[in-house]
Amino acid sequence: MTTMMMMMMMMMMMMMMMMMMMMMMMMLLMMMMMMMMMMMMMMMMMMMMMMMMMMMMMMMMMMMMMMMMMMMMMMMMMMIIMI
């Protein structure tokens, strides 16, 4: 009887160990997945920010060009009027 009990105990212990190992592995996997997701999100955010910045720069450049054109036109008009 005692041997049987011992065997059972050993089996139980082994099972528990296996379960623990599985749980640990699962946790690790989950953590890794989360990290990957976070990294992806960060990358996306960075890309979006860069795009926004580029757009802003383009807009500013366009505005500047427009202003310059307007100024030139005004100058021309003034010259014509003067003459």
PDB file of N, CA and C in Angstrom:
ATOM      1  N   MET A   1       0.817  -1.199   0.000  1.00  0.00           N
ATOM      2  CA  MET A   1       0.000   0.000   0.000  1.00  0.00           C
ATOM      3  C   MET A   1       0.864   1.267   0.000  1.00  0.00           C
ATOM      4  N   THR A   2       1.811   1.268   0.877  1.00  0.00           N
ATOM      5  CA  THR A   2       2.641   2.491   0.954  1.00  0.00           C
ATOM      6  C   THR A   2       3.345   2.776  -0.368  1.00  0.00           C
ATOM      7  N   THR A   3       3.814   1.720  -0.986  1.00  0.00           N
ATOM      8  CA  THR A   3       4.499   1.960  -2.278  1.00  0.00           C
ATOM      9  C   THR A   3       3.545   2.608  -3.267  1.00  0.00           C
ATOM     10  N   MET A   4       2.320   2.122  -3.234  1.00  0.00           N
ATOM     11  CA  MET A   4       1.333   2.681  -4.164  1.00  0.00           C
ATOM     12  C   MET A   4       1.127   4.170  -3.857  1.00  0.00           C
ATOM     13  N   MET A   5       1.025   4.450  -2.597  1.00  0.00           N
ATOM     14  CA  MET A   5       0.810   5.847  -2.195  1.00  0.00           C
ATOM     15  C   MET A   5       1.985   6.704  -2.666  1.00  0.00           C
ATOM     16  N   MET A   6       3.146   6.158  -2.477  1.00  0.00           N
ATOM     17  CA  MET A   6       4.351   6.895  -2.869  1.00  0.00           C
ATOM     18  C   MET A   6       4.318   7.159  -4.374  1.00  0.00           C
ATOM     19  N   MET A   7       3.966   6.149  -5.093  1.00  0.00           N
ATOM     20  CA  MET A   7       3.923   6.280  -6.549  1.00  0.00           C
ATOM     21  C   MET A   7       2.909   7.362  -6.931  1.00  0.00           C
ATOM     22  N   MET A   8       1.783   7.315  -6.282  1.00  0.00           N
ATOM     23  CA  MET A   8       0.736   8.285  -6.577  1.00  0.00           C
ATOM     24  C   MET A   8       1.235   9.696  -6.288  1.00  0.00           C
ATOM     25  N   MET A   9       1.900   9.810  -5.173  1.00  0.00           N
ATOM     26  CA  MET A   9       2.405  11.126  -4.791  1.00  0.00           C
ATOM     27  C   MET A   9       3.400  11.629  -5.828  1.00  0.00           C
ATOM     28  N   MET A  10       4.245  10.738  -6.238  1.00  0.00           N
ATOM     29  CA  MET A  10       5.259  11.114  -7.218  1.00  0.00           C
ATOM     30  C   MET A  10       4.577  11.565  -8.512  1.00  0.00           C
ATOM     31  N   MET A  11       3.574  10.823  -8.892  1.00  0.00           N
ATOM     32  CA  MET A  11       2.858  11.149 -10.126  1.00  0.00           C
ATOM     33  C   MET A  11       2.217  12.533  -9.998  1.00  0.00           C
ATOM     34  N   MET A  12       1.627  12.743  -8.849  1.00  0.00           N
ATOM     35  CA  MET A  12       0.964  14.026  -8.620  1.00  0.00           C
ATOM     36  C   MET A  12       1.977  15.167  -8.703  1.00  0.00           C
ATOM     37  N   MET A  13       3.095  14.927  -8.090  1.00  0.00           N
ATOM     38  CA  MET A  13       4.128  15.963  -8.090  1.00  0.00           C
ATOM     39  C   MET A  13       4.576  16.252  -9.520  1.00  0.00           C
ATOM     40  N   MET A  14       4.763  15.207 -10.256  1.00  0.00           N
ATOM     41  CA  MET A  14       5.208  15.367 -11.630  1.00  0.00           C
ATOM     42  C   MET A  14       4.174  16.166 -12.419  1.00  0.00           C
ATOM     43  N   MET A  15       2.919  15.814 -12.198  1.00  0.00           N
ATOM     44  CA  MET A  15       1.844  16.498 -12.916  1.00  0.00           C
ATOM     45  C   MET A  15       1.849  17.987 -12.563  1.00  0.00           C
ATOM     46  N   MET A  16       2.018  18.233 -11.286  1.00  0.00           N
ATOM     47  CA  MET A  16       2.010  19.624 -10.836  1.00  0.00           C
ATOM     48  C   MET A  16       3.157  20.396 -11.481  1.00  0.00           C
ATOM     49  N   MET A  17       4.290  19.754 -11.505  1.00  0.00           N
ATOM     50  CA  MET A  17       5.454  20.407 -12.092  1.00  0.00           C
ATOM     51  C   MET A  17       5.194  20.713 -13.564  1.00  0.00           C
ATOM     52  N   MET A  18       4.628  19.753 -14.233  1.00  0.00           N
ATOM     53  CA  MET A  18       4.355  19.937 -15.654  1.00  0.00           C
ATOM     54  C   MET A  18       3.393  21.108 -15.850  1.00  0.00           C
ATOM     55  N   MET A  19       2.385  21.124 -15.009  1.00  0.00           N
ATOM     56  CA  MET A  19       1.391  22.194 -15.120  1.00  0.00           C
ATOM     57  C   MET A  19       2.054  23.551 -14.901  1.00  0.00           C
ATOM     58  N   MET A  20       2.898  23.584 -13.911  1.00  0.00           N
ATOM     59  CA  MET A  20       3.565  24.848 -13.602  1.00  0.00           C
ATOM     60  C   MET A  20       4.417  25.292 -14.792  1.00  0.00           C
ATOM     61  N   MET A  21       5.113  24.346 -15.348  1.00  0.00           N
ATOM     62  CA  MET A  21       5.972  24.678 -16.476  1.00  0.00           C
ATOM     63  C   MET A  21       5.129  25.214 -17.629  1.00  0.00           C
ATOM     64  N   MET A  22       4.012  24.547 -17.857  1.00  0.00           N
ATOM     65  CA  MET A  22       3.144  24.977 -18.954  1.00  0.00           C
ATOM     66  C   MET A  22       2.648  26.396 -18.701  1.00  0.00           C
ATOM     67  N   MET A  23       2.269  26.631 -17.471  1.00  0.00           N
ATOM     68  CA  MET A  23       1.756  27.959 -17.133  1.00  0.00           C
ATOM     69  C   MET A  23       2.830  29.018 -17.353  1.00  0.00           C
ATOM     70  N   MET A  24       4.014  28.683 -16.928  1.00  0.00           N
ATOM     71  CA  MET A  24       5.108  29.638 -17.082  1.00  0.00           C
ATOM     72  C   MET A  24       5.345  29.931 -18.557  1.00  0.00           C
ATOM     73  N   MET A  25       5.345  28.895 -19.336  1.00  0.00           N
ATOM     74  CA  MET A  25       5.576  29.070 -20.766  1.00  0.00           C
ATOM     75  C   MET A  25       4.489  29.961 -21.363  1.00  0.00           C
ATOM     76  N   MET A  26       3.262  29.692 -20.956  1.00  0.00           N
ATOM     77  CA  MET A  26       2.149  30.476 -21.489  1.00  0.00           C
ATOM     78  C   MET A  26       2.322  31.944 -21.114  1.00  0.00           C
ATOM     79  N   MET A  27       2.725  32.158 -19.891  1.00  0.00           N
ATOM     80  CA  MET A  27       2.898  33.534 -19.432  1.00  0.00           C
ATOM     81  C   MET A  27       3.971  34.228 -20.272  1.00  0.00           C
ATOM     82  N   LEU A  28       5.020  33.524 -20.485  1.00  0.00           N
ATOM     83  CA  LEU A  28       6.113  34.101 -21.279  1.00  0.00           C
ATOM     84  C   LEU A  28       5.637  34.454 -22.681  1.00  0.00           C
ATOM     85  N   LEU A  29       4.901  33.554 -23.224  1.00  0.00           N
ATOM     86  CA  LEU A  29       4.385  33.788 -24.577  1.00  0.00           C
ATOM     87  C   LEU A  29       3.506  35.025 -24.608  1.00  0.00           C
ATOM     88  N   MET A  30       2.643  35.095 -23.614  1.00  0.00           N
ATOM     89  CA  MET A  30       1.733  36.238 -23.558  1.00  0.00           C
ATOM     90  C   MET A  30       2.525  37.532 -23.437  1.00  0.00           C
ATOM     91  N   MET A  31       3.526  37.487 -22.595  1.00  0.00           N
ATOM     92  CA  MET A  31       4.320  38.697 -22.396  1.00  0.00           C
ATOM     93  C   MET A  31       4.987  39.106 -23.703  1.00  0.00           C
ATOM     94  N   MET A  32       5.508  38.132 -24.379  1.00  0.00           N
ATOM     95  CA  MET A  32       6.184  38.435 -25.623  1.00  0.00           C
ATOM     96  C   MET A  32       5.219  39.039 -26.636  1.00  0.00           C
ATOM     97  N   MET A  33       4.043  38.454 -26.675  1.00  0.00           N
ATOM     98  CA  MET A  33       3.047  38.957 -27.618  1.00  0.00           C
ATOM     99  C   MET A  33       2.696  40.403 -27.290  1.00  0.00           C
ATOM    100  N   MET A  34       2.539  40.658 -26.021  1.00  0.00           N
ATOM    101  CA  MET A  34       2.176  42.011 -25.609  1.00  0.00           C
ATOM    102  C   MET A  34       3.279  42.993 -25.999  1.00  0.00           C
ATOM    103  N   MET A  35       4.500  42.569 -25.783  1.00  0.00           N
ATOM    104  CA  MET A  35       5.618  43.450 -26.105  1.00  0.00           C
ATOM    105  C   MET A  35       5.628  43.750 -27.601  1.00  0.00           C
ATOM    106  N   MET A  36       5.391  42.733 -28.376  1.00  0.00           N
ATOM    107  CA  MET A  36       5.401  42.917 -29.821  1.00  0.00           C
ATOM    108  C   MET A  36       4.304  43.903 -30.225  1.00  0.00           C
ATOM    109  N   MET A  37       3.148  43.722 -29.613  1.00  0.00           N
ATOM    110  CA  MET A  37       2.024  44.598 -29.941  1.00  0.00           C
ATOM    111  C   MET A  37       2.372  46.039 -29.592  1.00  0.00           C
ATOM    112  N   MET A  38       2.976  46.201 -28.439  1.00  0.00           N
ATOM    113  CA  MET A  38       3.324  47.550 -27.995  1.00  0.00           C
ATOM    114  C   MET A  38       4.321  48.172 -28.972  1.00  0.00           C
ATOM    115  N   MET A  39       5.284  47.383 -29.370  1.00  0.00           N
ATOM    116  CA  MET A  39       6.298  47.900 -30.275  1.00  0.00           C
ATOM    117  C   MET A  39       5.645  48.329 -31.589  1.00  0.00           C
ATOM    118  N   MET A  40       4.735  47.505 -32.059  1.00  0.00           N
ATOM    119  CA  MET A  40       4.066  47.819 -33.317  1.00  0.00           C
ATOM    120  C   MET A  40       3.289  49.126 -33.178  1.00  0.00           C
ATOM    121  N   MET A  41       2.612  49.251 -32.056  1.00  0.00           N
ATOM    122  CA  MET A  41       1.815  50.460 -31.838  1.00  0.00           C
ATOM    123  C   MET A  41       2.722  51.684 -31.825  1.00  0.00           C
ATOM    124  N   MET A  42       3.839  51.533 -31.153  1.00  0.00           N
ATOM    125  CA  MET A  42       4.755  52.664 -31.053  1.00  0.00           C
ATOM    126  C   MET A  42       5.261  53.050 -32.443  1.00  0.00           C
ATOM    127  N   MET A  43       5.581  52.056 -33.215  1.00  0.00           N
ATOM    128  CA  MET A  43       6.091  52.327 -34.551  1.00  0.00           C
ATOM    129  C   MET A  43       5.032  53.057 -35.376  1.00  0.00           C
ATOM    130  N   MET A  44       3.806  52.578 -35.241  1.00  0.00           N
ATOM    131  CA  MET A  44       2.724  53.201 -35.999  1.00  0.00           C
ATOM    132  C   MET A  44       2.571  54.660 -35.586  1.00  0.00           C
ATOM    133  N   MET A  45       2.645  54.878 -34.293  1.00  0.00           N
ATOM    134  CA  MET A  45       2.483  56.240 -33.793  1.00  0.00           C
ATOM    135  C   MET A  45       3.595  57.132 -34.337  1.00  0.00           C
ATOM    136  N   MET A  46       4.790  56.602 -34.322  1.00  0.00           N
ATOM    137  CA  MET A  46       5.923  57.383 -34.798  1.00  0.00           C
ATOM    138  C   MET A  46       5.731  57.733 -36.273  1.00  0.00           C
ATOM    139  N   MET A  47       5.294  56.760 -37.021  1.00  0.00           N
ATOM    140  CA  MET A  47       5.096  56.991 -38.447  1.00  0.00           C
ATOM    141  C   MET A  47       4.041  58.076 -38.651  1.00  0.00           C
ATOM    142  N   MET A  48       2.986  57.973 -37.871  1.00  0.00           N
ATOM    143  CA  MET A  48       1.910  58.951 -38.012  1.00  0.00           C
ATOM    144  C   MET A  48       2.439  60.351 -37.700  1.00  0.00           C
ATOM    145  N   MET A  49       3.221  60.419 -36.649  1.00  0.00           N
ATOM    146  CA  MET A  49       3.754  61.718 -36.251  1.00  0.00           C
ATOM    147  C   MET A  49       4.633  62.283 -37.366  1.00  0.00           C
ATOM    148  N   MET A  50       5.451  61.429 -37.917  1.00  0.00           N
ATOM    149  CA  MET A  50       6.344  61.879 -38.974  1.00  0.00           C
ATOM    150  C   MET A  50       5.530  62.396 -40.157  1.00  0.00           C
ATOM    151  N   MET A  51       4.481  61.660 -40.479  1.00  0.00           N
ATOM    152  CA  MET A  51       3.654  62.063 -41.613  1.00  0.00           C
ATOM    153  C   MET A  51       3.026  63.425 -41.334  1.00  0.00           C
ATOM    154  N   MET A  52       2.561  63.579 -40.119  1.00  0.00           N
ATOM    155  CA  MET A  52       1.916  64.840 -39.764  1.00  0.00           C
ATOM    156  C   MET A  52       2.916  65.987 -39.880  1.00  0.00           C
ATOM    157  N   MET A  53       4.102  65.739 -39.402  1.00  0.00           N
ATOM    158  CA  MET A  53       5.124  66.780 -39.446  1.00  0.00           C
ATOM    159  C   MET A  53       5.428  67.153 -40.898  1.00  0.00           C
ATOM    160  N   MET A  54       5.534  66.151 -41.711  1.00  0.00           N
ATOM    161  CA  MET A  54       5.841  66.404 -43.113  1.00  0.00           C
ATOM    162  C   MET A  54       4.726  67.236 -43.743  1.00  0.00           C
ATOM    163  N   MET A  55       3.505  66.869 -43.412  1.00  0.00           N
ATOM    164  CA  MET A  55       2.367  67.587 -43.978  1.00  0.00           C
ATOM    165  C   MET A  55       2.412  69.047 -43.538  1.00  0.00           C
ATOM    166  N   MET A  56       2.718  69.234 -42.276  1.00  0.00           N
ATOM    167  CA  MET A  56       2.761  70.593 -41.750  1.00  0.00           C
ATOM    168  C   MET A  56       3.844  71.394 -42.473  1.00  0.00           C
ATOM    169  N   MET A  57       4.973  70.769 -42.657  1.00  0.00           N
ATOM    170  CA  MET A  57       6.075  71.456 -43.315  1.00  0.00           C
ATOM    171  C   MET A  57       5.668  71.838 -44.737  1.00  0.00           C
ATOM    172  N   MET A  58       5.016  70.918 -45.393  1.00  0.00           N
ATOM    173  CA  MET A  58       4.603  71.179 -46.766  1.00  0.00           C
ATOM    174  C   MET A  58       3.626  72.351 -46.792  1.00  0.00           C
ATOM    175  N   MET A  59       2.724  72.340 -45.850  1.00  0.00           N
ATOM    176  CA  MET A  59       1.730  73.407 -45.800  1.00  0.00           C
ATOM    177  C   MET A  59       2.422  74.748 -45.578  1.00  0.00           C
ATOM    178  N   MET A  60       3.373  74.736 -44.686  1.00  0.00           N
ATOM    179  CA  MET A  60       4.078  75.975 -44.380  1.00  0.00           C
ATOM    180  C   MET A  60       4.812  76.476 -45.624  1.00  0.00           C
ATOM    181  N   MET A  61       5.431  75.564 -46.300  1.00  0.00           N
ATOM    182  CA  MET A  61       6.179  75.945 -47.492  1.00  0.00           C
ATOM    183  C   MET A  61       5.224  76.546 -48.525  1.00  0.00           C
ATOM    184  N   MET A  62       4.084  75.904 -48.660  1.00  0.00           N
ATOM    185  CA  MET A  62       3.112  76.387 -49.631  1.00  0.00           C
ATOM    186  C   MET A  62       2.659  77.791 -49.255  1.00  0.00           C
ATOM    187  N   MET A  63       2.418  77.978 -47.979  1.00  0.00           N
ATOM    188  CA  MET A  63       1.958  79.285 -47.514  1.00  0.00           C
ATOM    189  C   MET A  63       3.024  80.340 -47.805  1.00  0.00           C
ATOM    190  N   MET A  64       4.251  79.979 -47.545  1.00  0.00           N
ATOM    191  CA  MET A  64       5.335  80.924 -47.763  1.00  0.00           C
ATOM    192  C   MET A  64       5.415  81.289 -49.245  1.00  0.00           C
ATOM    193  N   MET A  65       5.281  80.291 -50.067  1.00  0.00           N
ATOM    194  CA  MET A  65       5.355  80.533 -51.501  1.00  0.00           C
ATOM    195  C   MET A  65       4.226  81.469 -51.921  1.00  0.00           C
ATOM    196  N   MET A  66       3.065  81.197 -51.379  1.00  0.00           N
ATOM    197  CA  MET A  66       1.910  82.020 -51.730  1.00  0.00           C
ATOM    198  C   MET A  66       2.157  83.466 -51.307  1.00  0.00           C
ATOM    199  N   MET A  67       2.696  83.611 -50.127  1.00  0.00           N
ATOM    200  CA  MET A  67       2.950  84.951 -49.611  1.00  0.00           C
ATOM    201  C   MET A  67       3.958  85.667 -50.511  1.00  0.00           C
ATOM    202  N   MET A  68       4.974  84.948 -50.891  1.00  0.00           N
ATOM    203  CA  MET A  68       5.999  85.540 -51.735  1.00  0.00           C
ATOM    204  C   MET A  68       5.380  85.971 -53.061  1.00  0.00           C
ATOM    205  N   MET A  69       4.536  85.124 -53.583  1.00  0.00           N
ATOM    206  CA  MET A  69       3.901  85.433 -54.861  1.00  0.00           C
ATOM    207  C   MET A  69       3.050  86.693 -54.720  1.00  0.00           C
ATOM    208  N   MET A  70       2.339  86.742 -53.623  1.00  0.00           N
ATOM    209  CA  MET A  70       1.468  87.890 -53.395  1.00  0.00           C
ATOM    210  C   MET A  70       2.307  89.162 -53.309  1.00  0.00           C
ATOM    211  N   MET A  71       3.394  89.058 -52.611  1.00  0.00           N
ATOM    212  CA  MET A  71       4.257  90.219 -52.436  1.00  0.00           C
ATOM    213  C   MET A  71       4.794  90.677 -53.795  1.00  0.00           C
ATOM    214  N   MET A  72       5.189  89.724 -54.579  1.00  0.00           N
ATOM    215  CA  MET A  72       5.727  90.047 -55.885  1.00  0.00           C
ATOM    216  C   MET A  72       4.660  90.745 -56.723  1.00  0.00           C
ATOM    217  N   MET A  73       3.453  90.212 -56.637  1.00  0.00           N
ATOM    218  CA  MET A  73       2.362  90.794 -57.413  1.00  0.00           C
ATOM    219  C   MET A  73       2.122  92.233 -56.970  1.00  0.00           C
ATOM    220  N   MET A  74       2.148  92.420 -55.677  1.00  0.00           N
ATOM    221  CA  MET A  74       1.903  93.753 -55.133  1.00  0.00           C
ATOM    222  C   MET A  74       2.990  94.710 -55.617  1.00  0.00           C
ATOM    223  N   MET A  75       4.198  94.244 -55.586  1.00  0.00           N
ATOM    224  CA  MET A  75       5.314  95.069 -56.004  1.00  0.00           C
ATOM    225  C   MET A  75       5.155  95.457 -57.476  1.00  0.00           C
ATOM    226  N   MET A  76       4.764  94.488 -58.249  1.00  0.00           N
ATOM    227  CA  MET A  76       4.597  94.734 -59.672  1.00  0.00           C
ATOM    228  C   MET A  76       3.509  95.786 -59.886  1.00  0.00           C
ATOM    229  N   MET A  77       2.435  95.621 -59.144  1.00  0.00           N
ATOM    230  CA  MET A  77       1.319  96.554 -59.275  1.00  0.00           C
ATOM    231  C   MET A  77       1.786  97.961 -58.913  1.00  0.00           C
ATOM    232  N   MET A  78       2.546  98.030 -57.856  1.00  0.00           N
ATOM    233  CA  MET A  78       3.020  99.327 -57.390  1.00  0.00           C
ATOM    234  C   MET A  78       3.909  99.958 -58.461  1.00  0.00           C
ATOM    235  N   MET A  79       4.739  99.133 -59.040  1.00  0.00           N
ATOM    236  CA  MET A  79       5.645  99.634 -60.057  1.00  0.00           C
ATOM    237  C   MET A  79       4.844 100.168 -61.248  1.00  0.00           C
ATOM    238  N   ILE A  80       3.859  99.414 -61.617  1.00  0.00           N
ATOM    239  CA  ILE A  80       3.033  99.821 -62.757  1.00  0.00           C
ATOM    240  C   ILE A  80       2.334 101.144 -62.438  1.00  0.00           C
ATOM    241  N   ILE A  81       1.818 101.210 -61.241  1.00  0.00           N
ATOM    242  CA  ILE A  81       1.119 102.437 -60.833  1.00  0.00           C
ATOM    243  C   ILE A  81       2.095 103.606 -60.821  1.00  0.00           C
ATOM    244  N   MET A  82       3.262 103.365 -60.320  1.00  0.00           N
ATOM    245  CA  MET A  82       4.261 104.424 -60.220  1.00  0.00           C
ATOM    246  C   MET A  82       4.624 104.923 -61.616  1.00  0.00           C
ATOM    247  N   ILE A  83       4.788 103.944 -62.465  1.00  0.00           N
ATOM    248  CA  ILE A  83       5.151 104.333 -63.826  1.00  0.00           C
ATOM    249  C   ILE A  83       3.884 104.911 -64.494  1.00  0.00           C
TER     250      ILE A  83
END
